Amino acid sequence: MRYGTSYFPTRLDAYKYYSVMGFEWRDVIYMLERHEIHIGKPPGLNSLRRAVAQKDQGGSKRYFIYEDIRIG
């Protein structure tokens, strides 16, 4: 399973991601201050749950979580 997160490698990546949607730099800073988005790797990673920074909109990179779900 793969899903996107609100975690970005850098502030510039967060800005690039949100600028495509019309947000300005101050909006991104506000989202960071309110902990709506984050800089750095997501917490709770382990051998079955890993984060990978991948290209996303606006030339940004964003962390995606990959989970290895095994049954039985």
Protein backbone atom coordinates (compact mmCIF):
# COMPACT_ATOMS: atom_id res chain seq x y z
CA MET A 1 0.00 0.00 0.00
CA ARG A 2 1.24 3.53 -0.83
CA TYR A 3 -0.07 6.85 0.39
CA GLY A 4 1.08 10.47 0.44
CA THR A 5 1.84 12.40 3.59
CA SER A 6 2.01 16.00 4.79
CA TYR A 7 5.79 15.60 5.22
CA PHE A 8 8.30 17.30 2.92
CA PRO A 9 12.12 17.09 2.81
CA THR A 10 12.49 20.91 2.82
CA ARG A 11 10.45 24.10 3.17
CA LEU A 12 11.15 24.81 -0.48
CA ASP A 13 9.55 21.48 -1.43
CA ALA A 14 6.46 22.38 0.61
CA TYR A 15 6.27 25.75 -1.13
CA LYS A 16 6.68 24.24 -4.60
CA TYR A 17 3.91 21.73 -3.82
CA TYR A 18 1.43 24.33 -2.57
CA SER A 19 2.33 27.13 -5.00
CA VAL A 20 0.69 25.14 -7.81
CA MET A 21 -2.58 25.49 -5.87
CA GLY A 22 -2.17 29.27 -5.51
CA PHE A 23 -0.67 29.38 -2.02
CA GLU A 24 2.05 31.91 -1.21
CA TRP A 25 5.20 31.49 0.89
CA ARG A 26 3.50 33.02 3.96
CA ASP A 27 0.68 30.48 3.67
CA VAL A 28 3.19 27.62 3.77
CA ILE A 29 4.91 29.14 6.83
CA TYR A 30 1.50 29.42 8.52
CA MET A 31 0.73 25.76 7.76
CA LEU A 32 4.09 24.77 9.24
CA GLU A 33 3.46 26.84 12.39
CA ARG A 34 0.04 25.21 12.83
CA HIS A 35 1.57 21.73 12.28
CA GLU A 36 -0.67 21.10 9.28
CA ILE A 37 2.41 20.18 7.25
CA HIS A 38 5.86 19.03 8.39
CA ILE A 39 9.51 19.09 7.35
CA GLY A 40 11.45 15.83 7.67
CA LYS A 41 10.63 12.13 7.60
CA PRO A 42 7.32 10.93 9.03
CA PRO A 43 7.40 9.19 12.43
CA GLY A 44 6.61 5.54 13.06
CA LEU A 45 8.78 3.99 10.37
CA ASN A 46 10.02 0.41 10.59
CA SER A 47 10.85 -2.55 8.39
CA LEU A 48 7.22 -2.85 7.22
CA ARG A 49 6.47 0.87 6.97
CA ARG A 50 8.97 3.06 5.11
CA ALA A 51 8.95 6.63 3.78
CA VAL A 52 10.31 7.54 0.37
CA ALA A 53 10.68 11.12 -0.93
CA GLN A 54 9.30 11.18 -4.46
CA LYS A 55 8.67 13.82 -7.08
CA ASP A 56 5.29 15.48 -6.83
CA GLN A 57 3.47 18.47 -8.26
CA GLY A 58 5.25 21.73 -8.94
CA GLY A 59 8.64 20.04 -9.04
CA SER A 60 8.47 19.30 -5.32
CA LYS A 61 9.39 16.20 -3.39
CA ARG A 62 7.02 14.77 -0.80
CA TYR A 63 7.25 11.73 1.43
CA PHE A 64 5.10 8.75 0.57
CA ILE A 65 4.57 5.85 2.95
CA TYR A 66 4.91 2.32 1.67
CA GLU A 67 3.46 -0.39 3.85
CA ASP A 68 4.18 -4.07 3.42
CA ILE A 69 0.95 -5.74 4.45
CA ARG A 70 1.33 -9.44 4.94
CA ILE A 71 -1.51 -11.74 5.78
CA GLY A 72 -0.85 -14.74 7.95
